[in-house]
């Protein structure tokens, strides 16, 4: 997704998640990902949570090659959505 803008990359990730929603587990590889800005997360993870719920996200999606900073960012983002 290197050649895409953050919103385009987020839309692409969302489409991939929906396409694979019936899989037991979806693993997102974050190797080489430098940042996770809100403009990306809103149209990918945020939209997924809005459409399918936070529990579906937690039960079906995991991340690999994720840095401590990325994990903290995602946890804060997801927690913020869960309380709003």
PDB file of N, CA and C in Angstrom:
ATOM      1  N   UNK A   1       0.808  -1.188   0.000  1.00  0.00           N
ATOM      2  CA  UNK A   1       0.000   0.000   0.000  1.00  0.00           C
ATOM      3  C   UNK A   1       0.860   1.265   0.000  1.00  0.00           C
ATOM      4  N   UNK A   2       2.137   1.075  -0.262  1.00  0.00           N
ATOM      5  CA  UNK A   2       3.081   2.193  -0.236  1.00  0.00           C
ATOM      6  C   UNK A   2       2.703   3.333  -1.169  1.00  0.00           C
ATOM      7  N   UNK A   3       2.071   3.024  -2.277  1.00  0.00           N
ATOM      8  CA  UNK A   3       1.775   4.045  -3.279  1.00  0.00           C
ATOM      9  C   UNK A   3       0.439   4.744  -3.041  1.00  0.00           C
ATOM     10  N   UNK A   4      -0.287   4.338  -2.009  1.00  0.00           N
ATOM     11  CA  UNK A   4      -1.621   4.891  -1.767  1.00  0.00           C
ATOM     12  C   UNK A   4      -1.570   5.958  -0.675  1.00  0.00           C
ATOM     13  N   UNK A   5      -2.515   6.873  -0.734  1.00  0.00           N
ATOM     14  CA  UNK A   5      -2.671   7.835   0.354  1.00  0.00           C
ATOM     15  C   UNK A   5      -3.219   7.081   1.570  1.00  0.00           C
ATOM     16  N   UNK A   6      -3.136   7.694   2.743  1.00  0.00           N
ATOM     17  CA  UNK A   6      -3.651   7.033   3.941  1.00  0.00           C
ATOM     18  C   UNK A   6      -5.125   6.660   3.815  1.00  0.00           C
ATOM     19  N   UNK A   7      -5.996   7.552   3.328  1.00  0.00           N
ATOM     20  CA  UNK A   7      -7.405   7.150   3.178  1.00  0.00           C
ATOM     21  C   UNK A   7      -7.593   6.012   2.178  1.00  0.00           C
ATOM     22  N   UNK A   8      -6.849   6.034   1.075  1.00  0.00           N
ATOM     23  CA  UNK A   8      -6.956   4.951   0.083  1.00  0.00           C
ATOM     24  C   UNK A   8      -6.477   3.629   0.679  1.00  0.00           C
ATOM     25  N   UNK A   9      -5.382   3.677   1.407  1.00  0.00           N
ATOM     26  CA  UNK A   9      -4.857   2.463   2.046  1.00  0.00           C
ATOM     27  C   UNK A   9      -5.842   1.947   3.092  1.00  0.00           C
ATOM     28  N   UNK A  10      -6.452   2.859   3.839  1.00  0.00           N
ATOM     29  CA  UNK A  10      -7.456   2.462   4.825  1.00  0.00           C
ATOM     30  C   UNK A  10      -8.663   1.813   4.178  1.00  0.00           C
ATOM     31  N   UNK A  11      -9.135   2.383   3.082  1.00  0.00           N
ATOM     32  CA  UNK A  11     -10.253   1.779   2.338  1.00  0.00           C
ATOM     33  C   UNK A  11      -9.891   0.389   1.841  1.00  0.00           C
ATOM     34  N   UNK A  12      -8.669   0.236   1.350  1.00  0.00           N
ATOM     35  CA  UNK A  12      -8.212  -1.062   0.855  1.00  0.00           C
ATOM     36  C   UNK A  12      -8.182  -2.085   1.982  1.00  0.00           C
ATOM     37  N   UNK A  13      -7.642  -1.696   3.148  1.00  0.00           N
ATOM     38  CA  UNK A  13      -7.606  -2.610   4.285  1.00  0.00           C
ATOM     39  C   UNK A  13      -9.022  -2.982   4.705  1.00  0.00           C
ATOM     40  N   UNK A  14      -9.913  -2.017   4.772  1.00  0.00           N
ATOM     41  CA  UNK A  14     -11.300  -2.310   5.131  1.00  0.00           C
ATOM     42  C   UNK A  14     -11.908  -3.325   4.171  1.00  0.00           C
ATOM     43  N   UNK A  15     -11.711  -3.127   2.880  1.00  0.00           N
ATOM     44  CA  UNK A  15     -12.238  -4.055   1.874  1.00  0.00           C
ATOM     45  C   UNK A  15     -11.680  -5.463   2.068  1.00  0.00           C
ATOM     46  N   UNK A  16     -10.400  -5.564   2.383  1.00  0.00           N
ATOM     47  CA  UNK A  16      -9.767  -6.872   2.627  1.00  0.00           C
ATOM     48  C   UNK A  16     -10.378  -7.525   3.865  1.00  0.00           C
ATOM     49  N   UNK A  17     -10.575  -6.737   4.919  1.00  0.00           N
ATOM     50  CA  UNK A  17     -11.171  -7.279   6.147  1.00  0.00           C
ATOM     51  C   UNK A  17     -12.574  -7.809   5.893  1.00  0.00           C
ATOM     52  N   UNK A  18     -13.380  -7.053   5.176  1.00  0.00           N
ATOM     53  CA  UNK A  18     -14.752  -7.473   4.888  1.00  0.00           C
ATOM     54  C   UNK A  18     -14.758  -8.716   4.000  1.00  0.00           C
ATOM     55  N   UNK A  19     -13.885  -8.743   3.011  1.00  0.00           N
ATOM     56  CA  UNK A  19     -13.806  -9.893   2.106  1.00  0.00           C
ATOM     57  C   UNK A  19     -13.462 -11.175   2.862  1.00  0.00           C
ATOM     58  N   UNK A  20     -12.685 -11.037   3.926  1.00  0.00           N
ATOM     59  CA  UNK A  20     -12.231 -12.196   4.689  1.00  0.00           C
ATOM     60  C   UNK A  20     -12.937 -12.337   6.037  1.00  0.00           C
ATOM     61  N   UNK A  21     -14.077 -11.708   6.187  1.00  0.00           N
ATOM     62  CA  UNK A  21     -14.763 -11.660   7.479  1.00  0.00           C
ATOM     63  C   UNK A  21     -15.158 -13.038   8.006  1.00  0.00           C
ATOM     64  N   UNK A  22     -15.361 -13.998   7.132  1.00  0.00           N
ATOM     65  CA  UNK A  22     -15.767 -15.332   7.575  1.00  0.00           C
ATOM     66  C   UNK A  22     -14.600 -16.259   7.890  1.00  0.00           C
ATOM     67  N   UNK A  23     -13.392 -15.754   7.764  1.00  0.00           N
ATOM     68  CA  UNK A  23     -12.214 -16.543   8.135  1.00  0.00           C
ATOM     69  C   UNK A  23     -12.136 -16.631   9.659  1.00  0.00           C
ATOM     70  N   UNK A  24     -11.509 -17.694  10.164  1.00  0.00           N
ATOM     71  CA  UNK A  24     -11.367 -17.844  11.612  1.00  0.00           C
ATOM     72  C   UNK A  24     -10.585 -16.688  12.218  1.00  0.00           C
ATOM     73  N   UNK A  25      -9.498 -16.322  11.557  1.00  0.00           N
ATOM     74  CA  UNK A  25      -8.656 -15.250  12.067  1.00  0.00           C
ATOM     75  C   UNK A  25      -8.034 -14.488  10.912  1.00  0.00           C
ATOM     76  N   UNK A  26      -8.055 -13.188  10.997  1.00  0.00           N
ATOM     77  CA  UNK A  26      -7.403 -12.322  10.019  1.00  0.00           C
ATOM     78  C   UNK A  26      -6.170 -11.755  10.710  1.00  0.00           C
ATOM     79  N   UNK A  27      -5.018 -11.951  10.102  1.00  0.00           N
ATOM     80  CA  UNK A  27      -3.769 -11.459  10.679  1.00  0.00           C
ATOM     81  C   UNK A  27      -3.253 -10.315   9.815  1.00  0.00           C
ATOM     82  N   UNK A  28      -3.060  -9.166  10.435  1.00  0.00           N
ATOM     83  CA  UNK A  28      -2.557  -7.981   9.739  1.00  0.00           C
ATOM     84  C   UNK A  28      -1.081  -7.832  10.080  1.00  0.00           C
ATOM     85  N   UNK A  29      -0.245  -7.878   9.060  1.00  0.00           N
ATOM     86  CA  UNK A  29       1.207  -7.761   9.209  1.00  0.00           C
ATOM     87  C   UNK A  29       1.599  -6.292   9.106  1.00  0.00           C
ATOM     88  N   UNK A  30       2.192  -5.764  10.153  1.00  0.00           N
ATOM     89  CA  UNK A  30       2.555  -4.350  10.185  1.00  0.00           C
ATOM     90  C   UNK A  30       4.045  -4.113   9.914  1.00  0.00           C
ATOM     91  N   UNK A  31       4.723  -5.114   9.389  1.00  0.00           N
ATOM     92  CA  UNK A  31       6.135  -4.925   9.068  1.00  0.00           C
ATOM     93  C   UNK A  31       6.288  -3.794   8.048  1.00  0.00           C
ATOM     94  N   UNK A  32       7.177  -2.871   8.328  1.00  0.00           N
ATOM     95  CA  UNK A  32       7.432  -1.765   7.425  1.00  0.00           C
ATOM     96  C   UNK A  32       6.464  -0.601   7.563  1.00  0.00           C
ATOM     97  N   UNK A  33       5.460  -0.733   8.407  1.00  0.00           N
ATOM     98  CA  UNK A  33       4.500   0.349   8.622  1.00  0.00           C
ATOM     99  C   UNK A  33       5.119   1.336   9.607  1.00  0.00           C
ATOM    100  N   UNK A  34       5.202   2.570   9.177  1.00  0.00           N
ATOM    101  CA  UNK A  34       5.865   3.587   9.991  1.00  0.00           C
ATOM    102  C   UNK A  34       4.914   4.228  10.990  1.00  0.00           C
ATOM    103  N   UNK A  35       3.687   4.533  10.558  1.00  0.00           N
ATOM    104  CA  UNK A  35       2.740   5.186  11.455  1.00  0.00           C
ATOM    105  C   UNK A  35       1.320   4.714  11.170  1.00  0.00           C
ATOM    106  N   UNK A  36       0.458   4.957  12.132  1.00  0.00           N
ATOM    107  CA  UNK A  36      -0.962   4.607  12.021  1.00  0.00           C
ATOM    108  C   UNK A  36      -1.788   5.857  12.321  1.00  0.00           C
ATOM    109  N   UNK A  37      -1.843   6.791  11.377  1.00  0.00           N
ATOM    110  CA  UNK A  37      -2.576   8.033  11.627  1.00  0.00           C
ATOM    111  C   UNK A  37      -4.088   7.814  11.644  1.00  0.00           C
ATOM    112  N   UNK A  38      -4.771   8.703  12.319  1.00  0.00           N
ATOM    113  CA  UNK A  38      -6.232   8.610  12.420  1.00  0.00           C
ATOM    114  C   UNK A  38      -6.893   8.581  11.054  1.00  0.00           C
ATOM    115  N   UNK A  39      -6.361   9.320  10.109  1.00  0.00           N
ATOM    116  CA  UNK A  39      -6.956   9.371   8.766  1.00  0.00           C
ATOM    117  C   UNK A  39      -6.960   7.973   8.111  1.00  0.00           C
ATOM    118  N   UNK A  40      -6.012   7.127   8.480  1.00  0.00           N
ATOM    119  CA  UNK A  40      -5.967   5.738   8.014  1.00  0.00           C
ATOM    120  C   UNK A  40      -6.882   4.867   8.872  1.00  0.00           C
ATOM    121  N   UNK A  41      -6.764   4.993  10.185  1.00  0.00           N
ATOM    122  CA  UNK A  41      -7.529   4.140  11.095  1.00  0.00           C
ATOM    123  C   UNK A  41      -9.031   4.385  10.996  1.00  0.00           C
ATOM    124  N   UNK A  42      -9.433   5.624  10.767  1.00  0.00           N
ATOM    125  CA  UNK A  42     -10.869   5.933  10.696  1.00  0.00           C
ATOM    126  C   UNK A  42     -11.569   5.188   9.571  1.00  0.00           C
ATOM    127  N   UNK A  43     -10.906   5.044   8.425  1.00  0.00           N
ATOM    128  CA  UNK A  43     -11.558   4.402   7.271  1.00  0.00           C
ATOM    129  C   UNK A  43     -11.255   2.907   7.177  1.00  0.00           C
ATOM    130  N   UNK A  44     -10.489   2.390   8.121  1.00  0.00           N
ATOM    131  CA  UNK A  44     -10.214   0.956   8.120  1.00  0.00           C
ATOM    132  C   UNK A  44     -10.761   0.336   9.413  1.00  0.00           C
ATOM    133  N   UNK A  45      -9.997   0.406  10.473  1.00  0.00           N
ATOM    134  CA  UNK A  45     -10.394  -0.206  11.742  1.00  0.00           C
ATOM    135  C   UNK A  45     -11.647   0.462  12.313  1.00  0.00           C
ATOM    136  N   UNK A  46     -11.704   1.778  12.269  1.00  0.00           N
ATOM    137  CA  UNK A  46     -12.878   2.492  12.793  1.00  0.00           C
ATOM    138  C   UNK A  46     -14.157   2.125  12.059  1.00  0.00           C
ATOM    139  N   UNK A  47     -14.078   2.069  10.756  1.00  0.00           N
ATOM    140  CA  UNK A  47     -15.254   1.701   9.955  1.00  0.00           C
ATOM    141  C   UNK A  47     -15.646   0.248  10.219  1.00  0.00           C
ATOM    142  N   UNK A  48     -14.664  -0.620  10.371  1.00  0.00           N
ATOM    143  CA  UNK A  48     -14.937  -2.034  10.668  1.00  0.00           C
ATOM    144  C   UNK A  48     -15.682  -2.145  12.004  1.00  0.00           C
ATOM    145  N   UNK A  49     -15.204  -1.420  13.007  1.00  0.00           N
ATOM    146  CA  UNK A  49     -15.859  -1.447  14.314  1.00  0.00           C
ATOM    147  C   UNK A  49     -17.287  -0.905  14.202  1.00  0.00           C
ATOM    148  N   UNK A  50     -17.462   0.173  13.477  1.00  0.00           N
ATOM    149  CA  UNK A  50     -18.797   0.770  13.306  1.00  0.00           C
ATOM    150  C   UNK A  50     -19.757  -0.214  12.633  1.00  0.00           C
ATOM    151  N   UNK A  51     -19.278  -0.910  11.598  1.00  0.00           N
ATOM    152  CA  UNK A  51     -20.141  -1.809  10.833  1.00  0.00           C
ATOM    153  C   UNK A  51     -20.346  -3.177  11.482  1.00  0.00           C
ATOM    154  N   UNK A  52     -19.321  -3.694  12.174  1.00  0.00           N
ATOM    155  CA  UNK A  52     -19.378  -5.069  12.676  1.00  0.00           C
ATOM    156  C   UNK A  52     -19.222  -5.206  14.179  1.00  0.00           C
ATOM    157  N   UNK A  53     -18.835  -4.143  14.846  1.00  0.00           N
ATOM    158  CA  UNK A  53     -18.714  -4.171  16.305  1.00  0.00           C
ATOM    159  C   UNK A  53     -17.309  -4.442  16.792  1.00  0.00           C
ATOM    160  N   UNK A  54     -17.061  -3.936  17.969  1.00  0.00           N
ATOM    161  CA  UNK A  54     -15.725  -4.064  18.552  1.00  0.00           C
ATOM    162  C   UNK A  54     -15.406  -5.515  18.927  1.00  0.00           C
ATOM    163  N   UNK A  55     -16.409  -6.262  19.342  1.00  0.00           N
ATOM    164  CA  UNK A  55     -16.162  -7.664  19.709  1.00  0.00           C
ATOM    165  C   UNK A  55     -15.769  -8.500  18.494  1.00  0.00           C
ATOM    166  N   UNK A  56     -16.360  -8.210  17.351  1.00  0.00           N
ATOM    167  CA  UNK A  56     -15.984  -8.912  16.115  1.00  0.00           C
ATOM    168  C   UNK A  56     -14.529  -8.609  15.781  1.00  0.00           C
ATOM    169  N   UNK A  57     -14.134  -7.363  15.938  1.00  0.00           N
ATOM    170  CA  UNK A  57     -12.738  -6.993  15.703  1.00  0.00           C
ATOM    171  C   UNK A  57     -11.821  -7.765  16.636  1.00  0.00           C
ATOM    172  N   UNK A  58     -12.126  -7.751  17.906  1.00  0.00           N
ATOM    173  CA  UNK A  58     -11.259  -8.416  18.900  1.00  0.00           C
ATOM    174  C   UNK A  58     -11.197  -9.927  18.707  1.00  0.00           C
ATOM    175  N   UNK A  59     -12.280 -10.522  18.269  1.00  0.00           N
ATOM    176  CA  UNK A  59     -12.300 -11.980  18.134  1.00  0.00           C
ATOM    177  C   UNK A  59     -11.741 -12.477  16.807  1.00  0.00           C
ATOM    178  N   UNK A  60     -11.687 -11.611  15.795  1.00  0.00           N
ATOM    179  CA  UNK A  60     -11.307 -12.127  14.478  1.00  0.00           C
ATOM    180  C   UNK A  60     -10.056 -11.507  13.863  1.00  0.00           C
ATOM    181  N   UNK A  61      -9.539 -10.441  14.455  1.00  0.00           N
ATOM    182  CA  UNK A  61      -8.388  -9.764  13.852  1.00  0.00           C
ATOM    183  C   UNK A  61      -7.239  -9.705  14.845  1.00  0.00           C
ATOM    184  N   UNK A  62      -6.057 -10.051  14.352  1.00  0.00           N
ATOM    185  CA  UNK A  62      -4.849  -9.911  15.169  1.00  0.00           C
ATOM    186  C   UNK A  62      -3.764  -9.269  14.318  1.00  0.00           C
ATOM    187  N   UNK A  63      -2.726  -8.840  14.987  1.00  0.00           N
ATOM    188  CA  UNK A  63      -1.638  -8.133  14.316  1.00  0.00           C
ATOM    189  C   UNK A  63      -0.327  -8.868  14.567  1.00  0.00           C
ATOM    190  N   UNK A  64       0.541  -8.865  13.558  1.00  0.00           N
ATOM    191  CA  UNK A  64       1.861  -9.456  13.685  1.00  0.00           C
ATOM    192  C   UNK A  64       2.895  -8.414  13.289  1.00  0.00           C
ATOM    193  N   UNK A  65       4.106  -8.619  13.750  1.00  0.00           N
ATOM    194  CA  UNK A  65       5.212  -7.687  13.484  1.00  0.00           C
ATOM    195  C   UNK A  65       4.803  -6.263  13.842  1.00  0.00           C
ATOM    196  N   UNK A  66       4.202  -6.152  15.009  1.00  0.00           N
ATOM    197  CA  UNK A  66       3.696  -4.878  15.493  1.00  0.00           C
ATOM    198  C   UNK A  66       4.642  -4.361  16.575  1.00  0.00           C
ATOM    199  N   UNK A  67       4.979  -3.112  16.480  1.00  0.00           N
ATOM    200  CA  UNK A  67       5.873  -2.523  17.477  1.00  0.00           C
ATOM    201  C   UNK A  67       5.077  -2.160  18.731  1.00  0.00           C
ATOM    202  N   UNK A  68       5.790  -1.907  19.794  1.00  0.00           N
ATOM    203  CA  UNK A  68       5.143  -1.501  21.038  1.00  0.00           C
ATOM    204  C   UNK A  68       4.385  -0.182  20.838  1.00  0.00           C
ATOM    205  N   UNK A  69       4.971   0.724  20.095  1.00  0.00           N
ATOM    206  CA  UNK A  69       4.332   2.012  19.811  1.00  0.00           C
ATOM    207  C   UNK A  69       3.047   1.817  19.005  1.00  0.00           C
ATOM    208  N   UNK A  70       3.089   0.949  18.002  1.00  0.00           N
ATOM    209  CA  UNK A  70       1.907   0.675  17.186  1.00  0.00           C
ATOM    210  C   UNK A  70       0.814   0.021  18.029  1.00  0.00           C
ATOM    211  N   UNK A  71       1.198  -0.929  18.877  1.00  0.00           N
ATOM    212  CA  UNK A  71       0.225  -1.606  19.732  1.00  0.00           C
ATOM    213  C   UNK A  71      -0.449  -0.609  20.669  1.00  0.00           C
ATOM    214  N   UNK A  72       0.338   0.284  21.236  1.00  0.00           N
ATOM    215  CA  UNK A  72      -0.219   1.308  22.119  1.00  0.00           C
ATOM    216  C   UNK A  72      -1.183   2.208  21.343  1.00  0.00           C
ATOM    217  N   UNK A  73      -0.782   2.616  20.161  1.00  0.00           N
ATOM    218  CA  UNK A  73      -1.621   3.480  19.318  1.00  0.00           C
ATOM    219  C   UNK A  73      -2.953   2.804  18.998  1.00  0.00           C
ATOM    220  N   UNK A  74      -2.895   1.537  18.581  1.00  0.00           N
ATOM    221  CA  UNK A  74      -4.120   0.801  18.253  1.00  0.00           C
ATOM    222  C   UNK A  74      -5.012   0.613  19.472  1.00  0.00           C
ATOM    223  N   UNK A  75      -4.412   0.253  20.599  1.00  0.00           N
ATOM    224  CA  UNK A  75      -5.198   0.063  21.819  1.00  0.00           C
ATOM    225  C   UNK A  75      -5.890   1.355  22.234  1.00  0.00           C
ATOM    226  N   UNK A  76      -5.172   2.472  22.158  1.00  0.00           N
ATOM    227  CA  UNK A  76      -5.777   3.760  22.503  1.00  0.00           C
ATOM    228  C   UNK A  76      -6.908   4.107  21.534  1.00  0.00           C
ATOM    229  N   UNK A  77      -6.676   3.862  20.250  1.00  0.00           N
ATOM    230  CA  UNK A  77      -7.688   4.167  19.232  1.00  0.00           C
ATOM    231  C   UNK A  77      -8.949   3.329  19.459  1.00  0.00           C
ATOM    232  N   UNK A  78      -8.772   2.038  19.672  1.00  0.00           N
ATOM    233  CA  UNK A  78      -9.904   1.131  19.857  1.00  0.00           C
ATOM    234  C   UNK A  78     -10.642   1.446  21.164  1.00  0.00           C
ATOM    235  N   UNK A  79      -9.888   1.716  22.217  1.00  0.00           N
ATOM    236  CA  UNK A  79     -10.507   2.059  23.505  1.00  0.00           C
ATOM    237  C   UNK A  79     -11.331   3.338  23.402  1.00  0.00           C
ATOM    238  N   UNK A  80     -10.822   4.305  22.667  1.00  0.00           N
ATOM    239  CA  UNK A  80     -11.540   5.568  22.477  1.00  0.00           C
ATOM    240  C   UNK A  80     -12.878   5.321  21.766  1.00  0.00           C
ATOM    241  N   UNK A  81     -12.863   4.446  20.767  1.00  0.00           N
ATOM    242  CA  UNK A  81     -14.100   4.122  20.046  1.00  0.00           C
ATOM    243  C   UNK A  81     -15.076   3.345  20.941  1.00  0.00           C
ATOM    244  N   UNK A  82     -14.526   2.493  21.789  1.00  0.00           N
ATOM    245  CA  UNK A  82     -15.368   1.664  22.641  1.00  0.00           C
ATOM    246  C   UNK A  82     -16.124   2.502  23.673  1.00  0.00           C
ATOM    247  N   UNK A  83     -15.546   3.630  24.052  1.00  0.00           N
ATOM    248  CA  UNK A  83     -16.179   4.462  25.068  1.00  0.00           C
ATOM    249  C   UNK A  83     -17.030   5.590  24.488  1.00  0.00           C
ATOM    250  N   UNK A  84     -17.014   5.712  23.156  1.00  0.00           N
ATOM    251  CA  UNK A  84     -17.799   6.802  22.558  1.00  0.00           C
ATOM    252  C   UNK A  84     -19.148   6.332  22.082  1.00  0.00           C
TER     253      UNK A  84
END
